Amino acid sequence: MSIETSIAGLLFIIPTVILLIVGVVLTARARAEHGRGATFGLVGCVVLLVGAILQAGWQIMMPSIIESSGLAVFSVVYVISGFVFVVVNTLGMGLLIGGVIARRTPPQAQHYPQPPQGWQQPPPPGQWPAR
């Protein structure tokens, strides 16, 4: 496997990284309004972003691992890395799904004094406050 092949593999990861960075920014901005759901989405995007960066590093290191250690060692490392990528991607997607179905935190109510409504009728005679 040549360097050109691993770099070509990176071209497929770049759109994913860009999308996840946009997702991190959008969910970070939505945390105040959407609460817990946006927090789950944010963590899910970060986990998937870390996974995509790990996969990009794996794509770059793969040719040197094959050349230096041979196919026997590479096949073991390949299985272990595949398991790690499955766990990271499953966790990230689970957090994103959790963010979608999480109950939104209701917005905090603003407590302003209520202004008097309309014309205030004076109390009837005999119920006036004493001076």
Protein backbone atom coordinates (compact mmCIF):
# COMPACT_ATOMS: atom_id res chain seq x y z
CA MET A 1 0.00 0.00 0.00
CA SER A 2 1.49 3.30 -1.06
CA ILE A 3 1.41 6.73 0.49
CA GLU A 4 -0.83 7.92 -2.35
CA THR A 5 -3.45 5.32 -1.43
CA SER A 6 -3.49 6.39 2.21
CA ILE A 7 -3.71 10.06 1.26
CA ALA A 8 -6.62 9.23 -1.07
CA GLY A 9 -8.30 7.58 1.92
CA LEU A 10 -7.87 10.82 3.87
CA LEU A 11 -9.86 12.69 1.23
CA PHE A 12 -12.93 10.74 2.32
CA ILE A 13 -12.40 11.67 5.98
CA ILE A 14 -12.02 15.44 5.41
CA PRO A 15 -15.77 16.11 4.76
CA THR A 16 -16.63 14.13 7.89
CA VAL A 17 -14.20 16.19 9.97
CA ILE A 18 -15.60 19.44 8.58
CA LEU A 19 -19.18 18.32 9.26
CA LEU A 20 -18.34 17.30 12.83
CA ILE A 21 -16.59 20.61 13.54
CA VAL A 22 -19.72 22.44 12.33
CA GLY A 23 -21.79 20.12 14.53
CA VAL A 24 -19.65 20.93 17.57
CA VAL A 25 -20.04 24.67 16.97
CA LEU A 26 -23.81 24.48 16.41
CA THR A 27 -24.53 22.26 19.39
CA ALA A 28 -22.30 24.37 21.64
CA ARG A 29 -24.31 27.44 20.65
CA ALA A 30 -27.63 25.64 21.20
CA ARG A 31 -26.86 24.43 24.72
CA ALA A 32 -28.52 27.40 26.42
CA GLU A 33 -31.77 26.92 24.50
CA HIS A 34 -31.95 23.12 24.19
CA GLY A 35 -30.20 22.06 27.39
CA ARG A 36 -29.39 18.40 27.90
CA GLY A 37 -30.19 17.34 24.32
CA ALA A 38 -27.67 19.77 22.86
CA THR A 39 -25.09 18.66 25.43
CA PHE A 40 -25.51 15.02 24.35
CA GLY A 41 -25.21 16.13 20.72
CA LEU A 42 -22.07 18.12 21.50
CA VAL A 43 -20.39 15.20 23.25
CA GLY A 44 -21.46 12.86 20.43
CA CYS A 45 -19.93 15.16 17.81
CA VAL A 46 -16.70 15.42 19.81
CA VAL A 47 -16.47 11.62 20.18
CA LEU A 48 -17.07 11.13 16.45
CA LEU A 49 -14.52 13.85 15.66
CA VAL A 50 -11.90 12.10 17.79
CA GLY A 51 -12.77 8.85 16.00
CA ALA A 52 -12.39 10.49 12.58
CA ILE A 53 -9.00 11.94 13.56
CA LEU A 54 -7.89 8.51 14.82
CA GLN A 55 -9.00 6.97 11.53
CA ALA A 56 -7.05 9.61 9.61
CA GLY A 57 -3.94 8.81 11.66
CA TRP A 58 -4.52 5.12 11.01
CA GLN A 59 -4.72 5.77 7.26
CA ILE A 60 -1.39 7.60 7.37
CA MET A 61 0.38 5.01 9.55
CA MET A 62 -0.92 1.90 7.77
CA PRO A 63 1.78 1.69 5.04
CA SER A 64 4.63 2.08 7.52
CA ILE A 65 3.14 -0.57 9.84
CA ILE A 66 2.91 -3.04 6.96
CA GLU A 67 6.48 -2.33 5.80
CA SER A 68 8.06 -2.45 9.26
CA SER A 69 6.28 -5.38 10.89
CA GLY A 70 4.80 -7.49 8.13
CA LEU A 71 1.30 -8.70 7.45
CA ALA A 72 1.04 -10.99 10.49
CA VAL A 73 1.43 -8.15 12.99
CA PHE A 74 -0.56 -5.81 10.78
CA SER A 75 -3.56 -8.15 10.75
CA VAL A 76 -3.65 -8.20 14.58
CA VAL A 77 -3.31 -4.41 14.77
CA TYR A 78 -5.97 -4.08 12.08
CA VAL A 79 -8.49 -6.15 14.06
CA ILE A 80 -7.79 -4.25 17.29
CA SER A 81 -8.06 -0.86 15.59
CA GLY A 82 -11.27 -1.94 13.87
CA PHE A 83 -12.75 -2.83 17.24
CA VAL A 84 -11.70 0.54 18.68
CA PHE A 85 -13.25 2.38 15.72
CA VAL A 86 -16.52 0.43 16.07
CA VAL A 87 -16.73 1.28 19.79
CA VAL A 88 -15.95 4.98 19.23
CA ASN A 89 -18.39 5.34 16.33
CA THR A 90 -21.16 3.46 18.15
CA LEU A 91 -20.69 5.60 21.26
CA GLY A 92 -20.72 8.82 19.24
CA MET A 93 -23.82 7.87 17.26
CA GLY A 94 -25.55 6.73 20.45
CA LEU A 95 -24.88 10.11 22.04
CA LEU A 96 -26.24 11.89 18.97
CA ILE A 97 -29.40 9.78 19.07
CA GLY A 98 -29.66 10.44 22.80
CA GLY A 99 -29.41 14.15 22.09
CA VAL A 100 -32.28 13.95 19.63
CA ILE A 101 -34.62 12.07 21.96
CA ALA A 102 -33.57 13.78 25.22
CA ARG A 103 -36.18 15.89 26.91
CA ARG A 104 -35.43 19.54 26.45
CA THR A 105 -34.76 21.63 29.49
CA PRO A 106 -37.56 24.19 29.73
CA PRO A 107 -36.36 27.78 29.47
CA GLN A 108 -35.93 29.55 32.76
CA ALA A 109 -38.91 31.78 33.48
CA GLN A 110 -38.14 35.46 33.85
CA HIS A 111 -39.70 36.93 36.98
CA TYR A 112 -40.75 40.48 36.28
CA PRO A 113 -43.17 42.40 38.49
CA GLN A 114 -46.61 42.46 36.91
CA PRO A 115 -47.82 45.96 36.04
CA PRO A 116 -51.34 46.86 37.11
CA GLN A 117 -53.91 45.72 34.59
CA GLY A 118 -56.23 48.45 33.37
CA TRP A 119 -58.02 50.95 35.63
CA GLN A 120 -57.85 50.15 39.32
CA GLN A 121 -61.24 50.57 40.96
CA PRO A 122 -61.19 52.28 44.34
CA PRO A 123 -62.46 50.19 47.23
CA PRO A 124 -66.08 50.77 48.20
CA PRO A 125 -66.77 53.36 50.91
CA GLY A 126 -66.23 52.06 54.37
CA GLN A 127 -63.33 49.88 53.28
CA TRP A 128 -60.94 52.67 52.67
CA PRO A 129 -57.68 52.40 54.51
CA ALA A 130 -57.47 54.43 57.71
CA ARG A 131 -55.13 57.35 57.74
